[in-house]
Amino acid sequence: MKSMKAGQFSSLVTVQQRASGQDPAGQPLITWEKVASVWANIRHRSGLEAIKADADTSIVKASIRIRYRDGINAGMRVLHGATIYDIKAVLPDVAKKEHLDLICEVVNG
């Protein structure tokens, strides 16, 4: 059995989920709350230039591998420094439960 080496996870990231709240006027407010801080391996897969609303937009897709943990799902996000990665899909290592691959997208526009 081949185990994962700690050196493979060199980036400290924060996983967040949406939370509901209210602003001071009582209006609904969408916020983000921390689920966990974990070590990760971030791999950028591709870049795509697209035109959205007559503005150039850079779309970057990435795979972020973290150690296996329950409770991570699409719709959450990952923060790494100033970069926000939206989680589009979660691909677990079902057989060994050693890691999760988070398929993510960053949109800068």
Foldseek 3Di string as FASTA:
>chain_A
DDADDPVQFDFWKWKWAWDWDADPVRHIDIDIDTPDIFGKHKAWDDWDWDADPNDTKIKIKIKIKTFADPDDAQRIWMDGPPFIWHFHGWAAPVPPSGIIITITMTMDD
